[in-house]
C-alpha atoms as a PDB file:
ATOM      1  CA  MET A   1     157.119 209.821  39.554  1.00  0.00           C
ATOM      2  CA  GLY A   2     155.625 208.733  42.826  1.00  0.00           C
ATOM      3  CA  THR A   3     152.154 209.416  44.094  1.00  0.00           C
ATOM      4  CA  ASN A   4     153.251 212.019  46.646  1.00  0.00           C
ATOM      5  CA  VAL A   5     156.882 212.890  45.852  1.00  0.00           C
ATOM      6  CA  ARG A   6     159.234 213.275  42.927  1.00  0.00           C
ATOM      7  CA  LEU A   7     163.007 213.242  42.665  1.00  0.00           C
ATOM      8  CA  VAL A   8     164.556 216.106  40.721  1.00  0.00           C
ATOM      9  CA  PRO A   9     168.222 216.899  40.195  1.00  0.00           C
ATOM     10  CA  PHE A  10     169.494 219.025  43.064  1.00  0.00           C
ATOM     11  CA  GLU A  11     170.516 222.447  41.787  1.00  0.00           C
ATOM     12  CA  GLU A  12     171.930 225.650  43.225  1.00  0.00           C
ATOM     13  CA  ARG A  13     168.382 227.001  43.637  1.00  0.00           C
ATOM     14  CA  HIS A  14     167.737 224.293  46.240  1.00  0.00           C
ATOM     15  CA  ILE A  15     170.409 225.715  48.555  1.00  0.00           C
ATOM     16  CA  ARG A  16     168.154 227.928  50.624  1.00  0.00           C
ATOM     17  CA  ASP A  17     168.142 228.872  54.285  1.00  0.00           C
ATOM     18  CA  ASP A  18     165.747 226.052  55.206  1.00  0.00           C
ATOM     19  CA  TYR A  19     167.997 223.445  53.555  1.00  0.00           C
ATOM     20  CA  ILE A  20     171.108 224.794  55.282  1.00  0.00           C
ATOM     21  CA  GLY A  21     169.122 224.854  58.513  1.00  0.00           C
ATOM     22  CA  TRP A  22     168.325 221.151  58.171  1.00  0.00           C
ATOM     23  CA  LEU A  23     172.010 220.363  57.787  1.00  0.00           C
ATOM     24  CA  ASN A  24     172.880 222.376  60.913  1.00  0.00           C
ATOM     25  CA  ASP A  25     170.054 220.922  63.028  1.00  0.00           C
ATOM     26  CA  LYS A  26     171.915 218.757  65.561  1.00  0.00           C
ATOM     27  CA  GLU A  27     168.897 216.600  66.423  1.00  0.00           C
ATOM     28  CA  LEU A  28     167.876 216.016  62.789  1.00  0.00           C
ATOM     29  CA  MET A  29     171.449 215.161  61.799  1.00  0.00           C
ATOM     30  CA  ARG A  30     172.053 213.092  64.924  1.00  0.00           C
ATOM     31  CA  TYR A  31     172.808 209.885  62.976  1.00  0.00           C
ATOM     32  CA  SER A  32     174.509 211.502  59.978  1.00  0.00           C
ATOM     33  CA  ARG A  33     178.211 212.009  59.483  1.00  0.00           C
ATOM     34  CA  GLN A  34     177.225 215.507  58.380  1.00  0.00           C
ATOM     35  CA  ARG A  35     176.538 216.338  62.042  1.00  0.00           C
ATOM     36  CA  ARG A  36     180.209 217.156  62.521  1.00  0.00           C
ATOM     37  CA  ILE A  37     180.255 219.873  59.833  1.00  0.00           C
ATOM     38  CA  HIS A  38     178.981 223.432  60.091  1.00  0.00           C
ATOM     39  CA  HIS A  39     177.158 224.035  56.821  1.00  0.00           C
ATOM     40  CA  ASP A  40     176.888 227.308  54.937  1.00  0.00           C
ATOM     41  CA  ARG A  41     176.031 228.267  51.374  1.00  0.00           C
ATOM     42  CA  GLU A  42     179.654 228.002  50.252  1.00  0.00           C
ATOM     43  CA  ASN A  43     180.305 224.440  51.421  1.00  0.00           C
ATOM     44  CA  CYS A  44     176.869 223.359  50.152  1.00  0.00           C
ATOM     45  CA  LEU A  45     177.809 224.710  46.713  1.00  0.00           C
ATOM     46  CA  GLU A  46     181.124 222.831  46.874  1.00  0.00           C
ATOM     47  CA  TYR A  47     179.318 219.611  47.758  1.00  0.00           C
ATOM     48  CA  LEU A  48     176.940 220.089  44.826  1.00  0.00           C
ATOM     49  CA  LYS A  49     179.868 220.763  42.462  1.00  0.00           C
ATOM     50  CA  GLY A  50     181.348 217.417  43.508  1.00  0.00           C
ATOM     51  CA  PHE A  51     178.527 215.666  41.624  1.00  0.00           C
ATOM     52  CA  ARG A  52     179.269 217.348  38.303  1.00  0.00           C
ATOM     53  CA  SER A  53     180.774 215.107  35.641  1.00  0.00           C
ATOM     54  CA  THR A  54     180.204 211.992  37.751  1.00  0.00           C
ATOM     55  CA  ALA A  55     177.756 209.116  37.484  1.00  0.00           C
ATOM     56  CA  ASN A  56     176.523 209.930  40.995  1.00  0.00           C
ATOM     57  CA  HIS A  57     173.124 211.483  41.712  1.00  0.00           C
ATOM     58  CA  PHE A  58     172.099 214.248  44.089  1.00  0.00           C
ATOM     59  CA  TRP A  59     168.332 214.665  44.114  1.00  0.00           C
ATOM     60  CA  SER A  60     165.941 217.062  45.765  1.00  0.00           C
ATOM     61  CA  ILE A  61     162.835 215.337  47.092  1.00  0.00           C
ATOM     62  CA  GLU A  62     159.818 217.487  46.280  1.00  0.00           C
ATOM     63  CA  ARG A  63     156.259 217.047  47.460  1.00  0.00           C
ATOM     64  CA  ARG A  64     154.044 216.785  44.381  1.00  0.00           C
ATOM     65  CA  SER A  65     151.075 218.623  45.918  1.00  0.00           C
ATOM     66  CA  ASP A  66     152.919 221.933  46.322  1.00  0.00           C
ATOM     67  CA  GLY A  67     156.399 221.476  44.813  1.00  0.00           C
ATOM     68  CA  LYS A  68     158.036 222.071  48.206  1.00  0.00           C
ATOM     69  CA  GLN A  69     161.482 220.608  48.777  1.00  0.00           C
ATOM     70  CA  ILE A  70     161.187 218.252  51.747  1.00  0.00           C
ATOM     71  CA  GLY A  71     164.528 216.454  51.602  1.00  0.00           C
ATOM     72  CA  THR A  72     167.435 215.156  49.570  1.00  0.00           C
ATOM     73  CA  MET A  73     168.829 211.861  48.329  1.00  0.00           C
ATOM     74  CA  THR A  74     172.199 210.784  47.029  1.00  0.00           C
ATOM     75  CA  ALA A  75     173.176 207.755  44.991  1.00  0.00           C
ATOM     76  CA  TYR A  76     176.872 206.993  44.649  1.00  0.00           C
ATOM     77  CA  ILE A  77     177.299 204.865  41.555  1.00  0.00           C
ATOM     78  CA  ASP A  78     179.985 202.236  41.000  1.00  0.00           C
ATOM     79  CA  ARG A  79     179.513 201.624  37.250  1.00  0.00           C
ATOM     80  CA  GLU A  80     182.191 198.949  37.054  1.00  0.00           C
ATOM     81  CA  ASN A  81     180.393 196.767  39.611  1.00  0.00           C
ATOM     82  CA  ARG A  82     176.880 198.123  38.822  1.00  0.00           C
ATOM     83  CA  VAL A  83     176.238 198.942  42.474  1.00  0.00           C
ATOM     84  CA  ALA A  84     174.730 202.103  43.949  1.00  0.00           C
ATOM     85  CA  ASP A  85     174.871 203.259  47.571  1.00  0.00           C
ATOM     86  CA  VAL A  86     171.924 205.473  48.535  1.00  0.00           C
ATOM     87  CA  GLY A  87     171.359 207.974  51.328  1.00  0.00           C
ATOM     88  CA  ILE A  88     168.375 210.116  52.281  1.00  0.00           C
ATOM     89  CA  LEU A  89     167.486 213.126  54.421  1.00  0.00           C
ATOM     90  CA  ILE A  90     163.929 214.230  55.099  1.00  0.00           C
ATOM     91  CA  GLY A  91     164.478 217.717  56.459  1.00  0.00           C
ATOM     92  CA  ALA A  92     161.131 219.512  56.330  1.00  0.00           C
ATOM     93  CA  PRO A  93     159.555 219.151  59.782  1.00  0.00           C
ATOM     94  CA  GLY A  94     156.019 218.469  58.495  1.00  0.00           C
ATOM     95  CA  ALA A  95     157.272 215.737  56.160  1.00  0.00           C
ATOM     96  CA  ARG A  96     159.121 213.596  58.708  1.00  0.00           C
ATOM     97  CA  GLY A  97     157.410 210.383  59.712  1.00  0.00           C
ATOM     98  CA  THR A  98     154.724 210.653  57.017  1.00  0.00           C
ATOM     99  CA  GLY A  99     155.922 207.946  54.603  1.00  0.00           C
ATOM    100  CA  LEU A 100     157.298 210.421  52.065  1.00  0.00           C
ATOM    101  CA  GLY A 101     160.875 209.271  52.673  1.00  0.00           C
ATOM    102  CA  ARG A 102     159.807 205.660  52.183  1.00  0.00           C
ATOM    103  CA  GLU A 103     158.164 206.595  48.874  1.00  0.00           C
ATOM    104  CA  ALA A 104     161.248 208.547  47.740  1.00  0.00           C
ATOM    105  CA  TRP A 105     163.463 205.560  48.592  1.00  0.00           C
ATOM    106  CA  GLY A 106     161.297 203.333  46.408  1.00  0.00           C
ATOM    107  CA  LEU A 107     161.533 205.814  43.531  1.00  0.00           C
ATOM    108  CA  ALA A 108     165.327 205.804  43.804  1.00  0.00           C
ATOM    109  CA  LEU A 109     165.476 201.992  43.863  1.00  0.00           C
ATOM    110  CA  ASP A 110     163.187 201.736  40.866  1.00  0.00           C
ATOM    111  CA  HIS A 111     165.194 204.314  38.912  1.00  0.00           C
ATOM    112  CA  LEU A 112     168.536 202.701  39.745  1.00  0.00           C
ATOM    113  CA  PHE A 113     167.412 199.219  38.742  1.00  0.00           C
ATOM    114  CA  ARG A 114     165.403 200.172  35.656  1.00  0.00           C
ATOM    115  CA  SER A 115     167.194 203.191  34.208  1.00  0.00           C
ATOM    116  CA  GLU A 116     170.738 202.842  35.534  1.00  0.00           C
ATOM    117  CA  ASP A 117     171.000 199.052  35.123  1.00  0.00           C
ATOM    118  CA  MET A 118     172.307 198.553  38.656  1.00  0.00           C
ATOM    119  CA  ARG A 119     172.496 194.967  39.856  1.00  0.00           C
ATOM    120  CA  LYS A 120     172.575 195.937  43.542  1.00  0.00           C
ATOM    121  CA  VAL A 121     171.631 198.903  45.734  1.00  0.00           C
ATOM    122  CA  THR A 122     172.970 199.371  49.253  1.00  0.00           C
ATOM    123  CA  GLY A 123     172.420 201.680  52.189  1.00  0.00           C
ATOM    124  CA  GLY A 124     173.686 201.998  55.717  1.00  0.00           C
ATOM    125  CA  ALA A 125     172.492 203.569  58.954  1.00  0.00           C
ATOM    126  CA  SER A 126     173.191 203.791  62.630  1.00  0.00           C
ATOM    127  CA  ALA A 127     171.533 200.832  64.355  1.00  0.00           C
ATOM    128  CA  ALA A 128     169.755 203.432  66.525  1.00  0.00           C
ATOM    129  CA  ASN A 129     168.104 205.026  63.456  1.00  0.00           C
ATOM    130  CA  ALA A 130     164.874 203.014  63.572  1.00  0.00           C
ATOM    131  CA  PRO A 131     163.029 205.035  60.870  1.00  0.00           C
ATOM    132  CA  MET A 132     165.808 204.360  58.345  1.00  0.00           C
ATOM    133  CA  ILE A 133     165.878 200.665  59.165  1.00  0.00           C
ATOM    134  CA  ARG A 134     162.095 200.512  58.646  1.00  0.00           C
ATOM    135  CA  ILE A 135     162.593 202.019  55.163  1.00  0.00           C
ATOM    136  CA  PHE A 136     165.224 199.395  54.297  1.00  0.00           C
ATOM    137  CA  GLU A 137     162.967 196.598  55.506  1.00  0.00           C
ATOM    138  CA  HIS A 138     159.853 197.984  53.791  1.00  0.00           C
ATOM    139  CA  TRP A 139     161.586 197.788  50.414  1.00  0.00           C
ATOM    140  CA  GLY A 140     162.875 194.257  51.007  1.00  0.00           C
ATOM    141  CA  MET A 141     166.485 195.185  51.644  1.00  0.00           C
ATOM    142  CA  LEU A 142     168.379 192.566  53.649  1.00  0.00           C
ATOM    143  CA  LEU A 143     170.800 193.088  56.497  1.00  0.00           C
ATOM    144  CA  GLU A 144     174.211 192.280  55.050  1.00  0.00           C
ATOM    145  CA  GLY A 145     176.484 193.277  57.872  1.00  0.00           C
ATOM    146  CA  THR A 146     177.096 195.178  61.054  1.00  0.00           C
ATOM    147  CA  ARG A 147     180.033 197.402  61.828  1.00  0.00           C
ATOM    148  CA  ARG A 148     180.166 196.959  65.572  1.00  0.00           C
ATOM    149  CA  LYS A 149     180.502 200.136  67.652  1.00  0.00           C
ATOM    150  CA  GLN A 150     181.482 202.024  64.482  1.00  0.00           C
ATOM    151  CA  ASP A 151     180.135 205.478  65.374  1.00  0.00           C
ATOM    152  CA  LEU A 152     179.846 207.563  68.489  1.00  0.00           C
ATOM    153  CA  ILE A 153     176.291 208.862  68.947  1.00  0.00           C
ATOM    154  CA  ASP A 154     175.992 211.238  71.886  1.00  0.00           C
ATOM    155  CA  GLY A 155     179.339 209.915  73.077  1.00  0.00           C
ATOM    156  CA  GLU A 156     178.215 206.274  73.092  1.00  0.00           C
ATOM    157  CA  PRO A 157     179.487 203.600  70.673  1.00  0.00           C
ATOM    158  CA  CYS A 158     176.789 202.534  68.213  1.00  0.00           C
ATOM    159  CA  ASP A 159     176.693 199.872  65.521  1.00  0.00           C
ATOM    160  CA  VAL A 160     176.265 200.754  61.851  1.00  0.00           C
ATOM    161  CA  VAL A 161     174.062 198.351  59.909  1.00  0.00           C
ATOM    162  CA  LEU A 162     174.484 197.704  56.187  1.00  0.00           C
ATOM    163  CA  PHE A 163     171.557 196.707  53.975  1.00  0.00           C
ATOM    164  CA  GLY A 164     171.342 195.676  50.325  1.00  0.00           C
ATOM    165  CA  ILE A 165     168.935 194.505  47.671  1.00  0.00           C
ATOM    166  CA  LEU A 166     169.709 192.733  44.405  1.00  0.00           C
ATOM    167  CA  ARG A 167     167.990 193.452  41.104  1.00  0.00           C
ATOM    168  CA  GLU A 168     166.324 190.027  41.064  1.00  0.00           C
ATOM    169  CA  GLU A 169     164.979 190.577  44.589  1.00  0.00           C
ATOM    170  CA  TRP A 170     163.531 193.930  43.528  1.00  0.00           C
ATOM    171  CA  GLY A 171     162.017 192.285  40.438  1.00  0.00           C
ATOM    172  CA  ARG A 172     160.160 189.744  42.604  1.00  0.00           C
ATOM    173  CA  ARG A 173     158.435 192.414  44.680  1.00  0.00           C
ATOM    174  CA  VAL A 174     154.668 191.979  44.722  1.00  0.00           C
ATOM    175  CA  GLU A 175     153.975 195.682  45.299  1.00  0.00           C
ATOM    176  CA  PRO A 176     153.057 197.612  42.118  1.00  0.00           C
ATOM    177  CA  ARG A 177     156.003 199.356  40.490  1.00  0.00           C
ATOM    178  CA  LEU A 178     156.535 203.047  40.897  1.00  0.00           C
ATOM    179  CA  GLN A 179     156.983 205.131  37.784  1.00  0.00           C
ATOM    180  CA  ALA A 180     160.589 206.321  37.476  1.00  0.00           C
END
């Protein structure tokens, strides 16, 4: 558990109007592939069902002080190669830009390396998504590649950057460990 946030399994009870509103907020979802989908309770339930009976994770990010859901995270697990690909959304307006997403990302990394025995964790983002890139860099993730002009953001071609961190790189971090 982190100081300010915790990750809990995402459940049907988390699919509320505010969550669906985040997913349909064009500005918030500007850099997400989800921006092209109109979300409603039914397709959110279908997405959640897609995680059942898989090794993948879908977490709700909750603020510890009040238990409020402020975002979500996913981790797509490749057990054969012991690699996880992680994504995050901080949806609650008061939680954006406060460091809570950075803390949640660290919790996910710690869990995946310690409890899931992953040897590598990856993530990707639009090159224009500066807050996400700062999270990658904060946790010592390295730029591994660029997909040039991969996405169209507001009609303009934009690169997608791919970051990764290996278990041994995570293990060398000086920062105190988070509790999983």
